[in-house]
Protein backbone atom coordinates (compact mmCIF):
# COMPACT_ATOMS: atom_id res chain seq x y z
CA MET A 1 -17.74 -8.96 -0.20
CA GLU A 2 -18.44 -7.59 3.26
CA ALA A 3 -15.81 -6.90 5.89
CA SER A 4 -16.65 -8.53 9.17
CA GLY A 5 -15.02 -7.73 12.44
CA GLY A 6 -12.69 -10.79 12.64
CA ASN A 7 -9.56 -11.13 14.75
CA ILE A 8 -5.82 -11.10 14.29
CA SER A 9 -4.43 -13.37 16.99
CA GLY A 10 -7.41 -12.61 19.20
CA GLY A 11 -7.50 -8.84 18.54
CA ASN A 12 -9.75 -6.72 16.37
CA VAL A 13 -8.79 -6.71 12.69
CA GLY A 14 -7.87 -3.10 12.08
CA GLY A 15 -10.76 -1.30 13.74
CA ASP A 16 -9.01 1.96 12.85
CA ILE A 17 -8.56 0.79 9.26
CA GLN A 18 -12.23 -0.12 8.87
CA ALA A 19 -13.14 3.55 9.28
CA SER A 20 -12.52 4.13 5.56
CA LEU A 21 -14.07 2.53 2.49
CA ALA A 22 -10.67 1.33 1.27
CA GLY A 23 -9.97 -0.04 4.74
CA ARG A 24 -13.17 -2.09 4.76
CA TYR A 25 -12.24 -3.66 1.42
CA ALA A 26 -8.69 -4.31 2.67
CA VAL A 27 -10.03 -6.00 5.81
CA ALA A 28 -12.33 -8.18 3.70
CA LEU A 29 -9.43 -9.36 1.54
CA PHE A 30 -7.19 -9.76 4.57
CA GLU A 31 -9.72 -12.00 6.29
CA LEU A 32 -10.10 -14.15 3.17
CA ALA A 33 -6.32 -14.41 2.80
CA ARG A 34 -5.85 -15.13 6.51
CA ASP A 35 -8.45 -17.90 6.45
CA ALA A 36 -6.70 -19.40 3.40
CA LYS A 37 -3.30 -18.97 5.11
CA ALA A 38 -2.25 -16.88 2.11
CA ILE A 39 -1.62 -13.38 3.51
CA ASP A 40 1.87 -13.14 2.00
CA ILE A 41 0.63 -14.42 -1.37
CA ALA A 42 -2.21 -11.87 -1.46
CA GLU A 43 0.18 -9.10 -0.41
CA ARG A 44 2.62 -9.96 -3.21
CA SER A 45 -0.27 -10.05 -5.70
CA LEU A 46 -1.52 -6.64 -4.57
CA LEU A 47 1.98 -5.20 -4.90
CA ARG A 48 2.25 -6.54 -8.46
CA VAL A 49 -1.06 -4.92 -9.35
CA ARG A 50 -0.07 -1.65 -7.64
CA ASP A 51 3.20 -1.58 -9.57
CA ALA A 52 1.41 -2.35 -12.84
CA VAL A 53 -0.99 0.54 -12.23
CA ALA A 54 1.94 2.85 -11.46
CA GLN A 55 3.86 1.81 -14.58
CA SER A 56 1.03 1.66 -17.14
CA ASP A 57 -1.00 4.69 -18.13
CA ASP A 58 -3.59 2.39 -19.74
CA PHE A 59 -3.98 0.32 -16.56
CA ARG A 60 -4.18 3.47 -14.45
CA ARG A 61 -6.92 4.86 -16.72
CA LEU A 62 -8.77 1.55 -16.42
CA THR A 63 -8.84 1.89 -12.63
CA THR A 64 -9.90 5.54 -12.56
CA SER A 65 -12.02 6.25 -15.64
CA PRO A 66 -15.77 6.64 -15.04
CA VAL A 67 -16.31 6.06 -18.78
CA ILE A 68 -15.23 2.41 -18.63
CA SER A 69 -18.16 0.16 -17.74
CA ARG A 70 -18.09 -2.22 -14.80
CA ALA A 71 -18.14 -5.20 -17.16
CA GLN A 72 -15.26 -3.82 -19.26
CA ALA A 73 -13.21 -3.07 -16.15
CA GLY A 74 -13.91 -6.55 -14.77
CA ARG A 75 -12.82 -8.26 -18.00
CA ALA A 76 -9.70 -6.09 -18.27
CA VAL A 77 -8.67 -6.72 -14.67
CA LYS A 78 -9.23 -10.46 -15.07
CA ALA A 79 -7.14 -10.45 -18.26
CA ALA A 80 -4.33 -8.53 -16.53
CA ALA A 81 -4.31 -10.67 -13.37
CA GLU A 82 -2.94 -13.87 -14.90
CA PRO A 83 0.16 -12.42 -16.60
CA LEU A 84 0.91 -10.47 -13.41
CA GLY A 85 0.87 -13.72 -11.40
CA VAL A 86 -2.03 -12.63 -9.20
CA ASP A 87 -3.45 -15.41 -7.02
CA ALA A 88 -7.07 -16.50 -7.48
CA THR A 89 -8.40 -14.88 -4.29
CA THR A 90 -6.88 -11.51 -5.13
CA ALA A 91 -8.01 -11.78 -8.78
CA ASN A 92 -11.58 -12.41 -7.59
CA PHE A 93 -11.23 -9.48 -5.20
CA LEU A 94 -10.17 -7.23 -8.09
CA GLY A 95 -13.27 -8.38 -9.96
CA VAL A 96 -15.40 -7.32 -6.99
CA LEU A 97 -13.68 -3.92 -6.97
CA ALA A 98 -14.42 -3.53 -10.69
CA ALA A 99 -18.06 -4.59 -10.25
CA ASN A 100 -18.48 -2.09 -7.40
CA ARG A 101 -16.60 0.69 -9.25
CA ARG A 102 -13.93 0.79 -6.54
CA LEU A 103 -10.76 0.18 -8.59
CA ALA A 104 -9.77 3.82 -8.01
CA GLU A 105 -9.43 2.93 -4.31
CA LEU A 106 -6.73 0.34 -5.11
CA PRO A 107 -3.70 2.35 -3.85
CA LYS A 108 -5.44 2.98 -0.51
CA ILE A 109 -6.58 -0.64 -0.30
CA VAL A 110 -3.02 -1.87 -0.89
CA ARG A 111 -1.67 0.44 1.86
CA ALA A 112 -4.35 -0.69 4.31
CA PHE A 113 -3.81 -4.37 3.46
CA ARG A 114 -0.05 -4.00 3.96
CA THR A 115 -0.68 -2.39 7.34
CA LEU A 116 -2.90 -5.31 8.36
CA ALA A 117 -0.36 -7.87 7.08
CA SER A 118 2.47 -6.11 8.93
CA ARG A 119 0.49 -6.07 12.17
CA HIS A 120 -0.31 -9.75 11.72
CA ARG A 121 3.43 -10.50 11.41
CA GLY A 122 4.22 -8.27 14.41
CA GLU A 123 5.87 -5.66 12.22
CA THR A 124 5.42 -1.94 11.82
CA ASN A 125 4.80 -0.68 8.30
CA ALA A 126 6.72 2.40 7.18
CA GLU A 127 5.97 4.37 4.01
CA VAL A 128 9.29 5.69 2.72
CA THR A 129 9.53 8.30 -0.02
CA SER A 130 12.93 9.16 -1.46
CA ALA A 131 14.11 11.48 -4.23
CA HIS A 132 15.80 8.57 -6.03
CA PRO A 133 15.26 4.79 -5.90
CA LEU A 134 17.03 3.21 -2.92
CA THR A 135 19.51 0.38 -3.40
CA ASP A 136 18.98 -2.94 -1.64
CA ASP A 137 21.79 -2.06 0.79
CA GLN A 138 20.15 1.30 1.59
CA VAL A 139 16.79 -0.40 2.20
CA THR A 140 18.45 -2.94 4.51
CA GLU A 141 20.22 -0.15 6.44
CA LEU A 142 17.00 1.87 6.66
CA LYS A 143 15.08 -1.13 8.02
CA GLN A 144 17.82 -1.71 10.59
CA GLN A 145 17.76 1.94 11.73
CA LEU A 146 13.96 1.93 11.98
CA ARG A 147 14.05 -1.40 13.85
CA LEU A 148 16.49 0.11 16.38
CA ARG A 149 14.36 3.24 16.75
CA LEU A 150 11.02 1.44 17.07
CA GLY A 151 12.13 -1.73 18.84
CA ARG A 152 10.34 -4.04 16.40
CA GLU A 153 10.57 -5.39 12.86
CA VAL A 154 9.68 -2.93 10.12
CA SER A 155 8.41 -3.52 6.60
CA VAL A 156 8.84 -0.66 4.16
CA ASP A 157 6.70 0.52 1.28
CA LEU A 158 8.96 2.48 -1.07
CA ALA A 159 8.02 5.38 -3.33
CA VAL A 160 10.05 7.89 -5.33
CA ASN A 161 9.34 11.62 -5.55
CA PRO A 162 12.08 13.62 -7.34
CA GLU A 163 10.64 16.86 -5.91
CA LEU A 164 12.22 15.96 -2.56
CA LEU A 165 15.63 16.70 -4.15
CA GLY A 166 17.32 14.35 -1.66
CA GLY A 167 16.81 12.72 1.73
CA LEU A 168 13.76 10.77 2.87
CA VAL A 169 10.26 11.18 4.18
CA VAL A 170 9.23 8.28 6.43
CA ARG A 171 5.65 7.82 7.63
CA ILE A 172 4.87 5.34 10.36
CA GLY A 173 1.19 5.58 11.19
CA SER A 174 0.55 9.21 12.08
CA GLN A 175 4.24 9.91 12.77
CA MET A 176 6.37 11.51 10.04
CA ILE A 177 10.13 11.85 9.84
CA ASP A 178 11.03 14.35 7.11
CA SER A 179 14.72 14.68 6.31
CA SER A 180 14.20 15.78 2.72
CA ILE A 181 16.33 18.51 1.23
CA ARG A 182 13.18 20.28 0.01
CA THR A 183 11.88 20.61 3.58
CA ARG A 184 15.28 21.75 4.84
CA LEU A 185 15.44 24.42 2.11
CA ASN A 186 11.90 25.58 2.88
CA THR A 187 12.75 25.80 6.59
CA LEU A 188 15.90 27.78 5.85
CA ALA A 189 13.96 30.14 3.53
CA ASN A 190 11.37 30.75 6.26
CA GLN A 191 14.09 31.43 8.84
CA MET A 192 15.77 33.92 6.53
CA LYS A 193 12.48 35.82 6.07
CA GLY A 194 12.62 36.54 9.78
């Protein structure tokens, strides 16, 4: 599976994303999904797999262990794809990752794919980390605030990190908005040191 330099509505498909190995794989899947008019389907499938990896120690070990053979990883990923509701294109893609020993790149591939999908839809993708899971109402409000700030639609990729203590860290491309309590406490501690 090679990533070619295709177009999104006449523009280059993530030239900046292709700079990384994970980005090249994400572009390859994106182009397949775009050609099949199944970008949203592939994105949902990738999110299911990402969540399964995050929730299952066994699945996470499968994607990162150098001891597991390519064939074993391929069979395991194929077996996991169907119950997760992964579409055929994404399931085949996961098989390619297993065969190439690139399953460990999956989190980066998912992020890069989501960035490409967001750009394709004319959205900006924001990675949001909070100390506690956000409610649906909080996510809606956050999207609205980001939309007002950025002047365009925003899709959010949510993560939880209890070490933040409270507040949010929002990454949009290279820009970061850090309103976490941990950062505020660290700033206050530095100011008190003089």
